[in-house]
Amino acid sequence: MNFHIITLFPESLDSYLNESIIARAQNDKLIKVYKYNPRDYVKPTKSQAKNEKPYLRVDDRPYGGGPGMVIMADPIVKAIAKAQTTAEKRKSYKKSLVVFLSPSGTQFTNELATDYTKKFSDLIIICGRYEGVDARVKKVFKTVDITVGPFVTTGGELPAMLMIDVISRQIPGVLGKFESREESRSASHDVYTRPEVYTYKGKKYRVPEVLLSGDHKKIDEWRAGGEI
């Protein structure tokens, strides 16, 4: 799976993507993450071109009034077009999906993540900022509105990383053993390890007896939340 992230703050993704399982998945070429900054698709004005590092504007005031600023359509459209071109050049390219992160979108789930791994080789994820992205982007491209939960984040980078993590887990090899996915087996919210009895401030905390019984049927029932 190839992830193409459209973001004004590409460095904000590095701390998570460059660690642990997701980093290993990239090293093993099971996933690849591309980043596109919309500012790279804005041409500087004549006065800006004189500066060594000109500030390239990608936002403007919303029509109809209101607080904040809206990211303009053109830089986002050009970034998506570049992502699509990058994806289609690969021999392994199958199909791409453009995801528009929106609080009013379809709820993202494990089931949806699994479906994406089967249908698409590339996901292009638009990370909004400020008051959002000009909605005409969704008319230029056939996008899917997705939300990761009943809340609003400061930007789309955190939801994008969440999607990358969840989708990557559905790819064989990312977790070592595919059966390691908690969503694919009976798994209690509670887990235990050594010691069998943990003592803190004179009080003893024991591992549930069923986990020490060796009765795998009862253990599975316990993990599934059944009565023992």
Protein backbone atom coordinates (compact mmCIF):
# COMPACT_ATOMS: atom_id res chain seq x y z
CA MET A 1 0.00 0.00 0.00
CA ASN A 2 1.23 3.47 -0.91
CA PHE A 3 0.08 6.49 1.07
CA HIS A 4 0.24 9.97 -0.49
CA ILE A 5 -0.24 12.67 2.16
CA ILE A 6 -1.15 16.22 1.13
CA THR A 7 -0.06 18.40 4.06
CA LEU A 8 1.26 21.87 4.84
CA PHE A 9 3.32 20.35 7.65
CA PRO A 10 5.03 17.21 6.29
CA GLU A 11 7.62 17.15 9.08
CA SER A 12 4.87 16.69 11.66
CA LEU A 13 4.39 13.11 10.39
CA ASP A 14 8.00 12.03 10.84
CA SER A 15 8.04 11.39 14.58
CA TYR A 16 5.46 8.62 14.24
CA LEU A 17 6.21 7.27 10.77
CA ASN A 18 9.92 6.83 11.51
CA GLU A 19 9.48 4.64 14.58
CA SER A 20 8.56 1.06 15.49
CA ILE A 21 6.30 -1.10 13.32
CA ILE A 22 5.41 1.56 10.73
CA ALA A 23 9.10 2.35 10.17
CA ARG A 24 9.88 -1.34 9.78
CA ALA A 25 7.00 -1.77 7.31
CA GLN A 26 8.52 0.99 5.19
CA ASN A 27 11.99 -0.54 5.39
CA ASP A 28 10.52 -3.90 4.33
CA LYS A 29 8.77 -2.16 1.40
CA LEU A 30 5.34 -3.31 2.57
CA ILE A 31 4.14 0.29 2.63
CA LYS A 32 5.46 3.58 1.30
CA VAL A 33 4.58 7.09 2.41
CA TYR A 34 4.88 10.08 0.06
CA LYS A 35 4.39 13.64 1.27
CA TYR A 36 3.31 16.64 -0.81
CA ASN A 37 3.36 20.21 0.50
CA PRO A 38 0.81 22.43 -1.31
CA ARG A 39 3.22 25.37 -0.94
CA ASP A 40 5.50 23.63 -3.45
CA TYR A 41 2.81 24.14 -6.09
CA VAL A 42 2.45 27.90 -5.62
CA LYS A 43 4.39 30.22 -7.90
CA PRO A 44 6.00 33.18 -6.11
CA THR A 45 5.09 36.68 -7.22
CA LYS A 46 7.78 38.91 -8.72
CA SER A 47 8.40 40.57 -5.36
CA GLN A 48 8.45 37.21 -3.54
CA ALA A 49 10.91 35.75 -6.04
CA LYS A 50 13.50 38.25 -4.83
CA ASN A 51 13.54 36.60 -1.41
CA GLU A 52 15.69 33.54 -0.76
CA LYS A 53 12.82 31.85 1.11
CA PRO A 54 9.58 33.55 0.06
CA TYR A 55 6.40 32.95 2.03
CA LEU A 56 4.10 31.23 -0.47
CA ARG A 57 0.46 31.80 0.39
CA VAL A 58 -1.96 28.89 0.11
CA ASP A 59 -4.97 30.29 1.99
CA ASP A 60 -7.44 33.14 1.72
CA ARG A 61 -10.55 34.55 3.41
CA PRO A 62 -13.75 32.49 3.05
CA TYR A 63 -16.50 33.71 0.75
CA GLY A 64 -19.59 34.68 2.72
CA GLY A 65 -17.50 35.84 5.65
CA GLY A 66 -16.65 34.04 8.85
CA PRO A 67 -13.58 33.45 11.00
CA GLY A 68 -10.29 31.95 9.90
CA MET A 69 -8.82 31.18 6.52
CA VAL A 70 -9.53 28.52 3.89
CA ILE A 71 -6.88 26.61 1.93
CA MET A 72 -7.23 27.46 -1.77
CA ALA A 73 -8.18 24.80 -4.28
CA ASP A 74 -5.35 25.19 -6.82
CA PRO A 75 -2.36 24.15 -4.64
CA ILE A 76 -4.30 21.12 -3.37
CA VAL A 77 -5.46 20.13 -6.86
CA LYS A 78 -1.90 20.32 -8.20
CA ALA A 79 -0.55 18.28 -5.28
CA ILE A 80 -3.19 15.57 -5.83
CA ALA A 81 -2.42 15.52 -9.56
CA LYS A 82 1.27 15.01 -8.75
CA ALA A 83 0.40 12.20 -6.35
CA GLN A 84 -1.73 10.48 -8.98
CA THR A 85 1.05 10.77 -11.55
CA THR A 86 3.55 9.31 -9.07
CA ALA A 87 1.21 6.40 -8.32
CA GLU A 88 0.37 5.60 -11.93
CA LYS A 89 4.03 5.42 -12.96
CA ARG A 90 4.61 2.33 -10.80
CA LYS A 91 4.29 -1.09 -12.39
CA SER A 92 2.43 -2.35 -9.32
CA TYR A 93 -0.21 0.40 -9.56
CA LYS A 94 -3.77 -0.92 -9.34
CA LYS A 95 -6.19 1.82 -8.33
CA SER A 96 -6.12 4.96 -6.19
CA LEU A 97 -8.58 6.61 -3.81
CA VAL A 98 -8.59 10.29 -2.81
CA VAL A 99 -9.64 10.75 0.82
CA PHE A 100 -10.99 14.11 1.98
CA LEU A 101 -10.74 14.18 5.79
CA SER A 102 -13.92 15.76 7.14
CA PRO A 103 -15.74 15.66 10.53
CA SER A 104 -18.97 14.94 8.61
CA GLY A 105 -17.49 12.05 6.61
CA THR A 106 -18.03 8.29 6.82
CA GLN A 107 -16.69 6.78 10.03
CA PHE A 108 -13.35 5.07 9.45
CA THR A 109 -13.28 1.47 10.77
CA ASN A 110 -11.13 -1.69 10.70
CA GLU A 111 -13.55 -3.13 8.14
CA LEU A 112 -13.07 -0.12 5.88
CA ALA A 113 -9.29 -0.39 6.29
CA THR A 114 -9.38 -4.04 5.20
CA ASP A 115 -11.56 -3.14 2.22
CA TYR A 116 -9.07 -0.45 1.14
CA THR A 117 -6.15 -2.90 1.16
CA LYS A 118 -8.08 -5.18 -1.20
CA LYS A 119 -9.30 -2.52 -3.63
CA PHE A 120 -6.54 0.06 -3.80
CA SER A 121 -2.77 0.21 -4.20
CA ASP A 122 -2.64 3.94 -3.43
CA LEU A 123 -4.44 6.23 -0.99
CA ILE A 124 -4.20 9.99 -1.40
CA ILE A 125 -5.13 11.69 1.87
CA ILE A 126 -5.84 15.43 2.05
CA CYS A 127 -4.96 16.99 5.42
CA GLY A 128 -6.94 20.14 6.04
CA ARG A 129 -5.89 23.05 8.24
CA TYR A 130 -7.35 26.33 9.43
CA GLU A 131 -11.07 26.47 8.47
CA GLY A 132 -10.67 23.69 5.92
CA VAL A 133 -10.03 23.18 2.20
CA ASP A 134 -11.96 24.78 -0.68
CA ALA A 135 -14.77 22.30 -1.37
CA ARG A 136 -14.26 22.54 -5.13
CA VAL A 137 -11.36 20.10 -4.73
CA LYS A 138 -14.00 17.42 -4.21
CA LYS A 139 -15.60 18.35 -7.53
CA VAL A 140 -12.32 18.20 -9.46
CA PHE A 141 -11.55 14.74 -8.09
CA LYS A 142 -13.87 11.95 -7.03
CA THR A 143 -13.12 11.99 -3.32
CA VAL A 144 -14.43 10.06 -0.33
CA ASP A 145 -15.18 12.01 2.87
CA ILE A 146 -13.79 10.18 5.91
CA THR A 147 -13.78 10.98 9.64
CA VAL A 148 -11.77 9.13 12.27
CA GLY A 149 -14.09 9.98 15.14
CA PRO A 150 -16.76 12.28 16.61
CA PHE A 151 -14.34 15.13 17.21
CA VAL A 152 -12.44 17.85 15.37
CA THR A 153 -8.64 17.99 15.32
CA THR A 154 -6.44 21.03 14.64
CA GLY A 155 -5.31 19.51 11.36
CA GLY A 156 -5.63 16.37 9.27
CA GLU A 157 -2.16 15.04 10.05
CA LEU A 158 -3.17 13.05 13.15
CA PRO A 159 -6.18 11.42 11.41
CA ALA A 160 -3.94 10.63 8.42
CA MET A 161 -1.40 8.88 10.65
CA LEU A 162 -4.20 6.97 12.34
CA MET A 163 -5.45 5.77 8.95
CA ILE A 164 -1.93 4.75 7.90
CA ASP A 165 -1.49 2.75 11.11
CA VAL A 166 -4.85 0.97 10.94
CA ILE A 167 -4.59 0.16 7.23
CA SER A 168 -0.99 -1.02 7.52
CA ARG A 169 -2.03 -3.54 10.18
CA GLN A 170 -4.22 -5.26 7.60
CA ILE A 171 -1.25 -5.94 5.31
CA PRO A 172 0.36 -9.38 5.77
CA GLY A 173 3.91 -9.06 7.07
CA VAL A 174 3.55 -5.71 8.80
CA LEU A 175 2.89 -7.28 12.21
CA GLY A 176 5.19 -10.26 11.69
CA LYS A 177 2.43 -12.79 12.27
CA PHE A 178 -0.82 -11.80 10.57
CA GLU A 179 -2.71 -13.48 13.42
CA SER A 180 -1.22 -10.89 15.81
CA ARG A 181 -4.01 -8.47 14.90
CA GLU A 182 -6.26 -8.17 17.95
CA GLU A 183 -9.22 -7.47 15.66
CA SER A 184 -8.85 -10.91 14.05
CA ARG A 185 -9.04 -12.97 17.24
CA SER A 186 -10.71 -13.15 20.62
CA ALA A 187 -8.93 -10.56 22.74
CA SER A 188 -9.84 -9.22 26.16
CA HIS A 189 -9.16 -5.60 26.96
CA ASP A 190 -7.09 -6.90 29.90
CA VAL A 191 -3.75 -8.69 29.52
CA TYR A 192 -1.27 -9.96 32.12
CA THR A 193 2.36 -11.08 32.37
CA ARG A 194 4.87 -12.03 35.09
CA PRO A 195 4.85 -11.96 38.07
CA GLU A 196 1.78 -14.04 38.89
CA VAL A 197 1.24 -11.98 42.05
CA TYR A 198 2.09 -8.26 41.98
CA THR A 199 2.31 -6.48 45.36
CA TYR A 200 1.93 -2.75 45.79
CA LYS A 201 1.67 -1.00 49.18
CA GLY A 202 0.96 -4.31 50.88
CA LYS A 203 -1.91 -5.24 48.61
CA LYS A 204 -1.65 -8.26 46.29
CA TYR A 205 -2.92 -8.20 42.72
CA ARG A 206 -3.26 -11.63 41.12
CA VAL A 207 -3.52 -12.87 37.56
CA PRO A 208 -7.03 -14.33 36.91
CA GLU A 209 -6.95 -18.06 37.69
CA VAL A 210 -8.44 -19.00 34.32
CA LEU A 211 -5.27 -17.74 32.57
CA LEU A 212 -3.19 -20.11 34.71
CA SER A 213 -5.48 -23.12 34.19
CA GLY A 214 -4.11 -24.32 30.86
CA ASP A 215 -7.71 -24.80 29.67
CA HIS A 216 -7.58 -23.05 26.31
CA LYS A 217 -11.32 -23.28 25.74
CA LYS A 218 -12.04 -21.44 28.99
CA ILE A 219 -9.26 -18.95 28.27
CA ASP A 220 -10.79 -18.16 24.86
CA GLU A 221 -14.20 -17.74 26.48
CA TRP A 222 -12.69 -15.36 29.04
CA ARG A 223 -10.96 -13.35 26.34
CA ALA A 224 -14.20 -13.15 24.38
CA GLY A 225 -15.91 -11.73 27.44
CA GLY A 226 -17.92 -14.80 28.32
CA GLU A 227 -18.74 -16.07 31.80
CA ILE A 228 -16.29 -18.59 33.27
